[in-house]
């Protein structure tokens, strides 16, 4: 049996709601909508953390942040403190290495943000990336193209699309199947990258859009707690002021939507290339995002950690997950709960290595049954963590549990009944009639992290983190002034 080629697209900061096929009637994503129509759309897929580096690490290892130790975005301003040519997940079984061992040619073409980017990492044969974790501009960026380093004047999403097409054209004459990981650095959603009207062909699609698909809400008090004082003191770079200044900014929303359409077009160009080269029938295409993104929902803009305590609300964690191609049923929707770590066993099975497993015990499960049109079964809950916040989401409930070991940082748990409060507006945590529900969900969260976290990287048990955390003072308040993340300054 011929093994399928695989392309895994991953956007940067995109909730599932920002695709037409997930119900948004304003954003224009015809290529991805068509991909969903000829494959399986996972309606209830969630990330394990709402920051970029932890989620990328979890997808590639099948592990939770409290297992692999990356709890926040890896701050590349600290790169001089990292070990030489450090890969943050190189010590764990990882998808590119497993697929390489299965006889595939492997390629990374896009944002890495999991360690030192200047040398190929994680058994990738083909290495095209850029040296930054954050995108301050989509234009005029330094890029790393195999052994070459140069400045690319155009839009980096176009660059990664063009380089993926080049890779496919080269692979057309090769015997081995390929795995291409294409993590775009858009739509991103932060200033200055999405400030003003974008200079791309899709801008005019949104010039008169009223952005009715995005709620207009005032800032949450948790956002002011997170950022207000630091902004007043001049301590936040422009790209991080978005949580305070971007909600309800229609011009930036239009820019963000246009970047989504640009990515959709890039995916379409790549799919057309597969068809032109006669590779489409033996290729599986997966589209997902590293994590979701709040665009003013619940008074929050951005990541889960855009608020303090971290938000557990759906927009920051609900991700698109679409799979189509060789051997996958067409036009199906999987309503069951799924996690992005499920991609690990799913990809391992697709390349003929079902025995491959994460380095540590994992709740990740193979999504293969859904790809064959069968009932997914299994998980009745998904779990995620954002440093001081751990959460469980079921069909009916969202419960966010807060770390209580830092006396100077008192935090309150949250409970939402999703059946009659789908937008998560009414926190029921103080209502005594729900004490039984709270006890049950609290037990589920505790049991899950007791089962899967490891003491070395469990922040709630005095574990450390790789490179950086959101609030170092919080963990020092809990564990003493000598507490430090690994490789910090």
Protein backbone atom coordinates (compact mmCIF):
# COMPACT_ATOMS: atom_id res chain seq x y z
CA UNK A 1 0.00 0.00 0.00
CA UNK A 2 1.32 3.45 -0.95
CA UNK A 3 1.89 5.63 2.08
CA UNK A 4 0.25 9.08 1.83
CA UNK A 5 2.11 12.34 1.69
CA UNK A 6 1.06 14.68 4.49
CA UNK A 7 0.89 18.47 4.68
CA UNK A 8 0.15 19.92 8.11
CA UNK A 9 -0.81 23.60 7.96
CA UNK A 10 -0.83 25.55 11.22
CA UNK A 11 -1.90 29.17 11.42
CA UNK A 12 -0.72 31.48 14.19
CA UNK A 13 -3.44 32.80 16.54
CA UNK A 14 -6.66 31.79 14.81
CA UNK A 15 -9.88 30.63 16.46
CA UNK A 16 -12.11 28.15 14.70
CA UNK A 17 -14.75 30.88 14.43
CA UNK A 18 -12.56 32.67 11.86
CA UNK A 19 -13.39 30.27 9.02
CA UNK A 20 -16.48 30.24 6.89
CA UNK A 21 -16.94 26.50 7.33
CA UNK A 22 -17.19 27.01 11.11
CA UNK A 23 -20.09 29.41 10.65
CA UNK A 24 -18.56 32.87 10.18
CA UNK A 25 -20.46 34.70 7.44
CA UNK A 26 -18.01 37.63 7.17
CA UNK A 27 -14.60 36.04 6.69
CA UNK A 28 -13.90 34.80 3.16
CA UNK A 29 -12.10 31.44 3.20
CA UNK A 30 -13.30 29.56 0.10
CA UNK A 31 -10.29 27.25 -0.19
CA UNK A 32 -10.45 26.03 3.40
CA UNK A 33 -14.22 25.75 3.21
CA UNK A 34 -13.80 23.53 0.17
CA UNK A 35 -11.14 21.48 1.98
CA UNK A 36 -13.60 20.89 4.82
CA UNK A 37 -16.30 19.89 2.33
CA UNK A 38 -14.12 17.11 0.94
CA UNK A 39 -12.88 15.87 4.30
CA UNK A 40 -13.66 15.84 8.02
CA UNK A 41 -14.18 19.00 10.07
CA UNK A 42 -13.67 18.58 13.81
CA UNK A 43 -16.26 20.89 15.31
CA UNK A 44 -15.03 20.75 18.92
CA UNK A 45 -11.23 20.70 18.80
CA UNK A 46 -9.30 22.51 21.53
CA UNK A 47 -5.70 23.45 22.20
CA UNK A 48 -3.98 22.60 25.49
CA UNK A 49 -2.70 26.12 26.15
CA UNK A 50 -3.41 29.47 24.50
CA UNK A 51 0.18 30.50 23.77
CA UNK A 52 2.19 29.60 20.66
CA UNK A 53 5.27 27.69 21.85
CA UNK A 54 3.47 25.41 24.35
CA UNK A 55 0.87 24.41 21.76
CA UNK A 56 3.42 23.72 19.02
CA UNK A 57 5.37 21.60 21.48
CA UNK A 58 2.24 19.70 22.49
CA UNK A 59 1.20 18.95 18.90
CA UNK A 60 4.65 17.61 18.05
CA UNK A 61 5.11 15.57 21.26
CA UNK A 62 1.58 14.57 22.30
CA UNK A 63 2.35 15.95 25.78
CA UNK A 64 0.86 18.63 28.02
CA UNK A 65 2.86 21.75 28.99
CA UNK A 66 3.28 20.38 32.52
CA UNK A 67 5.03 17.42 30.90
CA UNK A 68 7.31 19.03 28.29
CA UNK A 69 7.93 22.15 30.38
CA UNK A 70 7.06 24.91 27.90
CA UNK A 71 4.39 26.96 29.66
CA UNK A 72 4.67 30.21 27.73
CA UNK A 73 5.99 31.59 24.46
CA UNK A 74 9.73 31.07 24.31
CA UNK A 75 11.17 34.56 24.64
CA UNK A 76 13.89 34.70 21.99
CA UNK A 77 15.34 37.77 23.68
CA UNK A 78 16.76 35.15 26.08
CA UNK A 79 18.42 33.13 23.32
CA UNK A 80 21.90 33.86 24.67
CA UNK A 81 20.89 31.99 27.85
CA UNK A 82 19.79 28.88 25.95
CA UNK A 83 22.16 25.95 25.36
CA UNK A 84 23.92 25.93 21.99
CA UNK A 85 21.54 24.97 19.17
CA UNK A 86 18.90 24.17 21.77
CA UNK A 87 15.67 22.46 20.73
CA UNK A 88 13.09 22.73 23.50
CA UNK A 89 11.48 19.36 22.68
CA UNK A 90 14.41 17.47 21.17
CA UNK A 91 14.58 15.13 24.18
CA UNK A 92 11.06 13.76 23.52
CA UNK A 93 9.59 11.51 20.88
CA UNK A 94 8.31 13.94 18.29
CA UNK A 95 6.29 13.76 15.11
CA UNK A 96 8.96 14.81 12.57
CA UNK A 97 11.45 12.28 13.97
CA UNK A 98 8.88 9.47 13.97
CA UNK A 99 7.81 10.30 10.42
CA UNK A 100 11.46 10.53 9.30
CA UNK A 101 12.09 7.06 10.78
CA UNK A 102 9.08 5.79 8.82
CA UNK A 103 10.91 6.63 5.58
CA UNK A 104 9.50 10.07 4.84
CA UNK A 105 11.28 13.20 3.67
CA UNK A 106 10.47 15.88 6.24
CA UNK A 107 10.20 19.65 5.85
CA UNK A 108 9.53 22.61 8.10
CA UNK A 109 8.46 25.67 6.11
CA UNK A 110 7.24 28.37 8.47
CA UNK A 111 7.47 29.60 12.04
CA UNK A 112 9.40 27.31 14.43
CA UNK A 113 9.47 29.06 17.85
CA UNK A 114 10.63 25.96 19.72
CA UNK A 115 14.28 26.77 20.26
CA UNK A 116 17.26 27.99 18.23
CA UNK A 117 16.05 28.48 14.64
CA UNK A 118 19.37 28.85 12.85
CA UNK A 119 20.03 25.14 12.37
CA UNK A 120 17.64 22.35 11.31
CA UNK A 121 15.97 20.75 14.32
CA UNK A 122 13.89 17.64 15.07
CA UNK A 123 14.90 15.50 12.06
CA UNK A 124 13.64 17.98 9.50
CA UNK A 125 15.47 17.42 6.22
CA UNK A 126 14.27 20.67 4.68
CA UNK A 127 14.47 23.82 6.84
CA UNK A 128 12.86 27.14 5.89
CA UNK A 129 11.90 29.49 8.70
CA UNK A 130 12.52 32.93 10.15
CA UNK A 131 14.39 33.74 13.35
CA UNK A 132 11.55 35.37 15.28
CA UNK A 133 8.89 34.14 17.63
CA UNK A 134 6.80 37.29 17.31
CA UNK A 135 5.74 38.97 14.10
CA UNK A 136 6.15 42.72 14.38
CA UNK A 137 5.67 43.10 10.63
CA UNK A 138 4.72 40.71 7.87
CA UNK A 139 7.22 42.49 5.61
CA UNK A 140 10.97 42.87 5.28
CA UNK A 141 11.90 39.96 7.53
CA UNK A 142 15.13 38.01 7.82
CA UNK A 143 14.58 34.44 6.67
CA UNK A 144 16.46 31.16 6.88
CA UNK A 145 16.26 29.20 3.64
CA UNK A 146 18.19 25.96 4.07
CA UNK A 147 21.83 27.10 4.35
CA UNK A 148 21.09 30.66 3.22
CA UNK A 149 20.08 33.64 5.31
CA UNK A 150 18.73 36.78 3.68
CA UNK A 151 16.08 39.46 3.92
CA UNK A 152 12.76 38.92 2.16
CA UNK A 153 10.97 42.16 1.32
CA UNK A 154 7.49 40.72 0.74
CA UNK A 155 4.82 39.22 2.98
CA UNK A 156 6.11 36.23 4.95
CA UNK A 157 2.91 34.23 4.38
CA UNK A 158 3.56 34.53 0.64
CA UNK A 159 7.19 33.53 1.22
CA UNK A 160 6.23 30.36 3.08
CA UNK A 161 3.62 29.53 0.43
CA UNK A 162 6.13 29.97 -2.39
CA UNK A 163 8.73 27.87 -0.60
CA UNK A 164 6.19 25.10 0.04
CA UNK A 165 5.35 25.05 -3.66
CA UNK A 166 9.08 24.81 -4.49
CA UNK A 167 9.42 21.89 -2.09
CA UNK A 168 6.46 20.08 -3.67
CA UNK A 169 7.85 20.57 -7.16
CA UNK A 170 11.12 19.00 -6.06
CA UNK A 171 9.36 16.11 -4.35
CA UNK A 172 7.33 15.31 -7.47
CA UNK A 173 10.28 13.41 -8.87
CA UNK A 174 11.17 11.55 -5.68
CA UNK A 175 10.19 8.05 -4.57
CA UNK A 176 9.85 8.65 -0.82
CA UNK A 177 6.66 10.17 0.58
CA UNK A 178 6.94 13.53 2.31
CA UNK A 179 5.71 15.26 5.45
CA UNK A 180 5.57 19.06 5.17
CA UNK A 181 4.85 21.06 8.31
CA UNK A 182 3.78 24.54 7.19
CA UNK A 183 3.20 26.77 10.25
CA UNK A 184 2.29 30.18 8.86
CA UNK A 185 3.09 33.24 10.99
CA UNK A 186 -0.34 34.77 10.39
CA UNK A 187 -3.01 36.02 10.88
CA UNK A 188 -1.26 36.81 14.17
CA UNK A 189 -3.55 39.49 15.61
CA UNK A 190 -1.14 41.85 17.39
CA UNK A 191 0.17 45.34 16.78
CA UNK A 192 2.08 46.56 14.93
CA UNK A 193 1.59 43.64 12.48
CA UNK A 194 -2.16 44.29 12.01
CA UNK A 195 -2.14 48.04 12.56
CA UNK A 196 -3.96 50.04 9.91
CA UNK A 197 -5.22 48.87 6.54
CA UNK A 198 -3.20 45.94 5.17
CA UNK A 199 -1.28 46.27 1.92
CA UNK A 200 -2.53 42.99 0.46
CA UNK A 201 -4.97 42.12 -2.30
CA UNK A 202 -7.62 40.92 0.16
CA UNK A 203 -7.94 44.25 2.00
CA UNK A 204 -10.75 45.48 -0.22
CA UNK A 205 -12.88 42.47 0.74
CA UNK A 206 -13.31 44.02 4.17
CA UNK A 207 -13.15 47.78 3.61
CA UNK A 208 -16.86 48.14 4.28
CA UNK A 209 -17.35 45.10 6.53
CA UNK A 210 -19.14 46.04 9.74
CA UNK A 211 -17.46 43.20 11.66
CA UNK A 212 -20.79 42.03 13.04
CA UNK A 213 -19.35 38.57 13.69
CA UNK A 214 -17.17 40.05 16.44
CA UNK A 215 -18.79 41.17 19.72
CA UNK A 216 -18.45 44.70 21.00
CA UNK A 217 -17.64 44.45 24.69
CA UNK A 218 -15.86 46.50 27.30
CA UNK A 219 -12.50 45.43 28.67
CA UNK A 220 -12.55 42.70 31.27
CA UNK A 221 -11.21 43.64 34.69
CA UNK A 222 -8.78 40.71 34.36
CA UNK A 223 -7.19 42.44 31.34
CA UNK A 224 -6.69 45.65 33.28
CA UNK A 225 -5.17 43.60 36.08
CA UNK A 226 -2.82 41.94 33.60
CA UNK A 227 -1.65 44.97 31.64
CA UNK A 228 -2.89 48.25 33.04
CA UNK A 229 -0.15 49.07 35.48
CA UNK A 230 2.65 47.93 33.16
CA UNK A 231 1.35 50.10 30.32
CA UNK A 232 1.07 53.09 32.64
CA UNK A 233 4.69 52.58 33.56
CA UNK A 234 5.73 52.32 29.91
CA UNK A 235 6.74 48.71 30.39
CA UNK A 236 4.92 47.04 27.49
CA UNK A 237 6.07 47.02 23.87
CA UNK A 238 3.53 48.14 21.27
CA UNK A 239 2.93 44.58 20.07
CA UNK A 240 1.74 43.66 23.59
CA UNK A 241 -0.55 46.65 24.11
CA UNK A 242 -3.23 45.03 21.96
CA UNK A 243 -5.18 43.53 24.86
CA UNK A 244 -5.82 47.07 26.12
CA UNK A 245 -6.17 48.98 22.87
CA UNK A 246 -7.34 46.58 20.16
CA UNK A 247 -10.83 45.50 21.31
CA UNK A 248 -13.46 47.19 19.10
CA UNK A 249 -10.78 48.53 16.72
CA UNK A 250 -12.60 47.89 13.44
CA UNK A 251 -9.65 48.78 11.22
CA UNK A 252 -7.41 46.20 12.87
CA UNK A 253 -10.20 43.61 12.82
CA UNK A 254 -10.51 44.12 9.06
CA UNK A 255 -6.74 43.75 8.75
CA UNK A 256 -6.86 40.51 10.74
CA UNK A 257 -9.65 39.11 8.55
CA UNK A 258 -7.68 40.01 5.43
CA UNK A 259 -4.68 38.08 6.77
CA UNK A 260 -6.95 35.05 7.24
CA UNK A 261 -8.02 35.33 3.60
CA UNK A 262 -4.38 35.57 2.51
CA UNK A 263 -3.61 32.33 4.31
CA UNK A 264 -6.67 30.73 2.73
CA UNK A 265 -5.36 31.78 -0.68
CA UNK A 266 -1.92 30.36 0.13
CA UNK A 267 -3.44 27.03 1.08
CA UNK A 268 -5.39 27.11 -2.16
CA UNK A 269 -2.25 27.73 -4.22
CA UNK A 270 -0.55 24.78 -2.55
CA UNK A 271 -3.56 22.51 -3.12
CA UNK A 272 -3.60 23.56 -6.79
CA UNK A 273 0.08 22.66 -7.00
CA UNK A 274 -0.63 19.19 -5.63
CA UNK A 275 -3.27 18.74 -8.32
CA UNK A 276 -0.99 20.07 -11.07
CA UNK A 277 1.76 17.65 -10.06
CA UNK A 278 -0.64 14.71 -9.82
CA UNK A 279 0.03 14.36 -6.09
CA UNK A 280 -3.40 15.31 -4.74
CA UNK A 281 -4.91 11.83 -4.66
CA UNK A 282 -2.14 10.48 -2.45
CA UNK A 283 -1.79 13.42 -0.06
CA UNK A 284 -3.52 14.09 3.25
CA UNK A 285 -3.97 17.75 4.10
CA UNK A 286 -4.52 18.92 7.68
CA UNK A 287 -5.36 22.49 8.66
CA UNK A 288 -5.26 23.69 12.25
CA UNK A 289 -4.01 26.56 14.41
CA UNK A 290 -1.57 26.64 17.30
CA UNK A 291 -4.33 28.08 19.50
CA UNK A 292 -7.45 30.17 19.37
CA UNK A 293 -7.68 33.92 19.79
CA UNK A 294 -10.14 36.22 21.53
CA UNK A 295 -11.10 39.27 19.45
CA UNK A 296 -12.87 41.13 22.22
CA UNK A 297 -14.93 38.15 23.35
CA UNK A 298 -15.53 38.31 27.11
CA UNK A 299 -13.68 41.64 27.10
CA UNK A 300 -10.38 40.00 26.10
CA UNK A 301 -8.12 40.41 23.08
CA UNK A 302 -5.60 37.71 22.31
CA UNK A 303 -4.21 34.75 24.19
CA UNK A 304 -5.45 33.07 27.32
CA UNK A 305 -2.70 34.91 29.19
CA UNK A 306 -4.00 38.27 27.96
CA UNK A 307 -5.94 38.31 31.24
CA UNK A 308 -4.97 37.58 34.81
CA UNK A 309 -5.84 35.09 36.01
CA UNK A 310 -5.60 33.53 32.56
CA UNK A 311 -8.82 33.22 30.62
CA UNK A 312 -10.29 29.77 30.02
CA UNK A 313 -12.99 31.10 27.66
CA UNK A 314 -13.69 29.24 24.43
CA UNK A 315 -12.39 31.71 21.78
CA UNK A 316 -8.79 31.44 23.02
CA UNK A 317 -8.82 27.62 23.01
CA UNK A 318 -11.24 26.55 20.26
CA UNK A 319 -9.18 25.72 17.18
CA UNK A 320 -9.94 24.71 13.61
CA UNK A 321 -9.04 21.13 12.72
CA UNK A 322 -9.76 19.92 9.20
CA UNK A 323 -8.43 16.76 7.57
CA UNK A 324 -8.96 15.73 3.96
CA UNK A 325 -7.37 13.61 1.28
CA UNK A 326 -6.28 10.05 0.67
CA UNK A 327 -8.53 7.56 2.47
CA UNK A 328 -10.54 10.16 4.41
CA UNK A 329 -14.33 10.33 4.15
CA UNK A 330 -15.78 13.39 2.49
CA UNK A 331 -18.09 16.03 3.88
CA UNK A 332 -18.24 14.77 7.44
CA UNK A 333 -18.37 16.69 10.71
CA UNK A 334 -17.06 15.20 13.96
CA UNK A 335 -18.89 16.75 16.90
CA UNK A 336 -16.98 14.89 19.61
CA UNK A 337 -14.48 16.67 21.82
CA UNK A 338 -10.91 16.43 20.58
CA UNK A 339 -7.56 17.88 21.61
CA UNK A 340 -4.68 19.07 19.50
CA UNK A 341 -2.44 16.46 21.16
CA UNK A 342 -4.58 13.85 19.38
CA UNK A 343 -2.65 14.80 16.24
CA UNK A 344 0.38 12.88 17.55
CA UNK A 345 -1.09 9.34 17.45
CA UNK A 346 -3.22 10.25 14.43
CA UNK A 347 -0.19 11.26 12.35
CA UNK A 348 1.81 8.27 13.59
CA UNK A 349 -0.93 5.93 12.39
CA UNK A 350 -1.29 7.71 9.04
CA UNK A 351 2.40 7.14 8.22
CA UNK A 352 2.30 3.49 9.26
CA UNK A 353 3.90 3.84 12.71
CA UNK A 354 0.95 3.22 15.06
CA UNK A 355 3.29 1.77 17.67
CA UNK A 356 5.00 5.16 18.09
CA UNK A 357 3.91 6.86 21.28
CA UNK A 358 4.72 9.98 23.30
CA UNK A 359 7.70 9.78 25.64
CA UNK A 360 5.44 10.02 28.69
CA UNK A 361 1.92 8.79 29.49
CA UNK A 362 -0.54 10.79 27.42
CA UNK A 363 -4.29 11.14 27.00
CA UNK A 364 -3.81 11.68 23.24
CA UNK A 365 -5.86 9.35 21.07
CA UNK A 366 -5.90 8.39 17.40
CA UNK A 367 -8.62 10.25 15.48
CA UNK A 368 -8.55 7.60 12.75
CA UNK A 369 -12.11 6.36 13.37
CA UNK A 370 -13.51 9.81 12.60
CA UNK A 371 -11.46 9.96 9.40
CA UNK A 372 -13.12 6.70 8.31
CA UNK A 373 -16.60 8.01 9.08
CA UNK A 374 -16.97 6.06 12.31
CA UNK A 375 -18.05 7.36 15.70
CA UNK A 376 -15.07 8.81 17.55
CA UNK A 377 -16.16 7.74 21.03
CA UNK A 378 -13.87 8.10 24.00
CA UNK A 379 -13.18 11.51 25.47
CA UNK A 380 -16.01 13.19 27.36
CA UNK A 381 -13.77 16.12 28.37
CA UNK A 382 -10.78 18.10 27.19
CA UNK A 383 -8.23 19.65 29.54
CA UNK A 384 -5.99 22.66 29.15
CA UNK A 385 -3.62 24.67 31.30
CA UNK A 386 -2.29 28.22 31.34
CA UNK A 387 0.24 28.29 34.18
CA UNK A 388 -1.91 29.33 37.18
CA UNK A 389 -5.15 28.22 35.48
CA UNK A 390 -6.18 24.63 34.77
CA UNK A 391 -9.48 23.88 33.09
CA UNK A 392 -11.80 21.12 31.96
CA UNK A 393 -14.40 21.46 29.26
CA UNK A 394 -17.22 18.97 28.81
CA UNK A 395 -20.31 19.05 26.62
CA UNK A 396 -22.21 20.89 29.36
CA UNK A 397 -19.64 22.66 31.54
CA UNK A 398 -16.51 24.78 31.59
CA UNK A 399 -14.65 24.82 34.90
CA UNK A 400 -11.47 26.83 35.48
CA UNK A 401 -9.45 25.97 38.57
CA UNK A 402 -6.91 28.48 39.91
CA UNK A 403 -3.64 27.89 41.74
CA UNK A 404 -4.11 28.85 45.38
CA UNK A 405 -0.54 28.56 46.64
CA UNK A 406 0.58 32.18 46.08
CA UNK A 407 -0.82 34.27 48.98
CA UNK A 408 -0.16 37.60 47.28
CA UNK A 409 -2.16 36.56 44.22
CA UNK A 410 -5.64 35.47 45.35
CA UNK A 411 -7.62 34.02 42.46
CA UNK A 412 -11.14 32.74 42.03
CA UNK A 413 -12.33 29.63 40.18
CA UNK A 414 -14.95 29.92 37.43
CA UNK A 415 -17.87 27.73 36.35
CA UNK A 416 -20.07 28.12 33.27
CA UNK A 417 -23.05 26.03 32.24
CA UNK A 418 -22.67 25.81 28.47
CA UNK A 419 -26.12 24.43 27.74
CA UNK A 420 -27.80 27.76 28.48
CA UNK A 421 -24.77 30.08 28.57
CA UNK A 422 -22.72 29.20 25.46
CA UNK A 423 -20.89 32.55 25.50
CA UNK A 424 -19.72 31.95 29.07
CA UNK A 425 -21.05 35.14 30.65
CA UNK A 426 -22.42 33.98 34.01
CA UNK A 427 -19.88 32.63 36.47
CA UNK A 428 -21.78 30.19 38.72
CA UNK A 429 -18.89 29.40 41.06
CA UNK A 430 -20.53 31.04 44.12
CA UNK A 431 -23.96 29.50 43.69
CA UNK A 432 -24.39 26.72 46.27
CA UNK A 433 -26.71 24.62 44.11
CA UNK A 434 -23.77 23.81 41.86
CA UNK A 435 -21.45 22.57 44.61
CA UNK A 436 -21.81 18.97 43.44
CA UNK A 437 -20.91 19.88 39.87
CA UNK A 438 -17.93 21.90 41.08
CA UNK A 439 -16.70 19.04 43.23
CA UNK A 440 -16.95 16.60 40.33
CA UNK A 441 -15.17 18.87 37.85
CA UNK A 442 -12.52 19.83 40.39
CA UNK A 443 -11.88 16.14 40.90
CA UNK A 444 -11.52 15.62 37.15
CA UNK A 445 -8.96 18.42 36.84
CA UNK A 446 -6.98 17.21 39.84
CA UNK A 447 -7.02 13.59 38.68
CA UNK A 448 -5.95 14.50 35.14
CA UNK A 449 -2.93 16.55 36.16
CA UNK A 450 -1.97 14.12 38.93
CA UNK A 451 -1.93 11.42 36.24
CA UNK A 452 -0.02 13.26 33.52
CA UNK A 453 2.08 16.12 34.88
CA UNK A 454 5.67 15.48 35.93
CA UNK A 455 7.16 17.08 39.06
CA UNK A 456 10.02 18.64 37.10
CA UNK A 457 7.63 20.85 35.09
CA UNK A 458 4.50 20.96 37.23
CA UNK A 459 4.34 24.58 38.34
CA UNK A 460 1.68 23.69 40.91
CA UNK A 461 4.18 21.33 42.62
CA UNK A 462 7.20 23.65 42.58
CA UNK A 463 8.27 22.48 39.13
CA UNK A 464 10.07 24.78 36.73
CA UNK A 465 9.48 26.01 33.18
CA UNK A 466 11.68 26.24 30.13
CA UNK A 467 12.94 29.76 29.49
CA UNK A 468 10.13 31.97 30.86
CA UNK A 469 6.72 32.29 32.50
CA UNK A 470 4.12 35.05 32.47
CA UNK A 471 4.52 36.13 36.12
CA UNK A 472 7.74 34.96 37.72
CA UNK A 473 6.83 36.84 40.91
CA UNK A 474 3.70 34.73 41.33
CA UNK A 475 5.70 31.50 41.46
CA UNK A 476 8.34 33.08 43.68
CA UNK A 477 5.54 34.10 46.02
CA UNK A 478 4.55 30.44 46.18
CA UNK A 479 7.94 28.74 46.18
CA UNK A 480 10.48 31.31 47.36
CA UNK A 481 12.72 33.91 45.77
CA UNK A 482 15.15 31.24 44.57
CA UNK A 483 12.55 29.82 42.16
CA UNK A 484 13.65 30.39 38.56
CA UNK A 485 12.69 29.09 35.11
CA UNK A 486 15.36 27.13 33.29
CA UNK A 487 17.73 29.17 31.10
CA UNK A 488 16.32 32.50 32.35
CA UNK A 489 18.37 35.65 32.74
